[in-house]
Amino acid sequence: MVTNPVSCSGGSLSSMGSNSAPLRTNSLGQVTTTLTACTALFDNMEVTARTGSGLSASLTFLDPPPPPTDVTYDASAMTLEWSSPSDPRVSGYKLYVGTASGKYDTVVDVGNVTALDLRGALATRGASPINSAFSKNPLTPGATYFVVLRSYTELGRLSDASSEQRL
């Protein structure tokens, strides 16, 4: 039974389905339907199915936050900046760094900021908010790095990656 939250219009999905989401049987004999959340954002949606013989199963769909946007790197200032998505569930960001495009071997939780000074990540620089994260594997001056950012929620759900930046 799927029941809409109070803030949604409509009702529930019964054993017969509904006008907007009828139950269908596929070629394998599995009963399927399509569910659509009534809001743009949800923290989770739990679906429970029960058979006439008393068997039941539940599945929870987790809605990830959107990724940061407008990611830019300023080489002269060695800063990385981005725009926060307009999702109130976003509580911080993780920076992923690697030496090859699409392959990231260092992950840094940068907290709930929208700009980052990368000078502390260089082997030749001193203290910085992110220096300790790179103390074992500092960035090498003159080397090429690739970075992406991901938003996260208080529950630890991660967004898709932002656009990749080459440093």
Foldseek 3Di string as FASTA:
>chain_A
DFAADPPADDGGQDPQGDPVWGWDQDPVRDIDTDDDHRDPDDQKGKDKDADPVGDMDIDIGGDFDAFWEPWDADVVQRKIFTHDDPDVQFFFKKKFKDQDPPDGDAIDTPTHDGMARLQLQAPPDDDDPCVVSNVPPGDYPPGKMKMWMWTAGPVGGTHPTYDIDID
